[in-house]
Amino acid sequence: MKTVYSKEQKGPVTAICQVSGFLLSAIGQKIYIWQLKDNDLIGVAFIDTHIYIHSAISIKNLIIVADIYKSISLLRYQENSRTLSLVSRDVQPLEAYGIEFLIDNAQAGFLVSDVEKNLVVFTYCPEARESFGGSRLLRKADMHLGYQVTSFFRICSRLGDLANYDKRQAAIVEKRHITMFATLDGGLGYILPISEKTYRRLLMLQNVLVVNIPHTAGLNPKAFRLYKSQRKLLQNPHKNILDGDLLTMFLNLSISEKNEVAKRIGTSSDQIHEDLLEIHQYTSYF
């Protein structure tokens, strides 16, 4: 390995990534896009942001950046006009720790972890009235994780034998990414998008399990997973993220208890087993 280019900047380089074959760097609140030409970096575009950008992630020409106090912003680089512009942002104050894209086929969300040990999912919906023409990112899901997350990475869902007997479903699952995360306590976890039908069924299961299984140390798992913040938000928690640890406790119940729980939500024990096994198969990399 050898150094191709080295030059002192006006401040600390706090984030770096690539976008459309160009180099993107953040220096404090300023974001620059560079092109390597004749062993020299030529400035192509730049934009001023809020206070201090510490993370940047890109897909194609879209970039999400995390500010240490001002949440996240969605940027777009237009190669034809060589302009870097702000598309949308979260207007609520949030001390973001880590960011990553949440990919489900043609749909994309923006996953953020914060200093108060929460996970938040934002989406870009310009047709929604509350987004003010797309200038504001909409909060679609949140939960209290209980751990501070600083690192995310994405991998494709594991198909296994699915491609051999259901090619249509395999094509859907193949474009659904698992977003893995690592916590400061040394833990690993993942977020996986699931279908609406499966989500509704497992949500009912989760609500029944909260009432019917003993709580560890008498602590309510549903209350623990509610979004927590010292700031007063002008909206209720959105939830919409299932607690995988709680759902897997269904497997520890006796056969009669499983049948009783399944009956309460209008399904069968076999169907719940199939849903949980399906999620396990998609994510069983380790």
Foldseek 3Di string as FASTA:
>chain_A
DDDLDDDDDPADFQEWDDEQNWIWTDGFQKIWTWDQDPSDTDTQEMDGGDGGWRYWDDDHQWIWTQDQWQGIWIWGADPVVSYIDTQAEARDTFRWQAWDWFWQAPAIWIWTFGPQQKIWIWGQDLVDVVCVNRHYIHTQAMWRRPFGWRDKDKDQFACPCVCVPPVPVVVRSRRGIWIWIATPVGDIDIATDDDPVLLVLLVLLLVLLQPPPQDDVNDRPVVRTADDDPDDDPDGHNHSGDDPVSLCVLVVDDPVVLQVSQVVSPHGSVVSVVSNVVVCNRPVPD
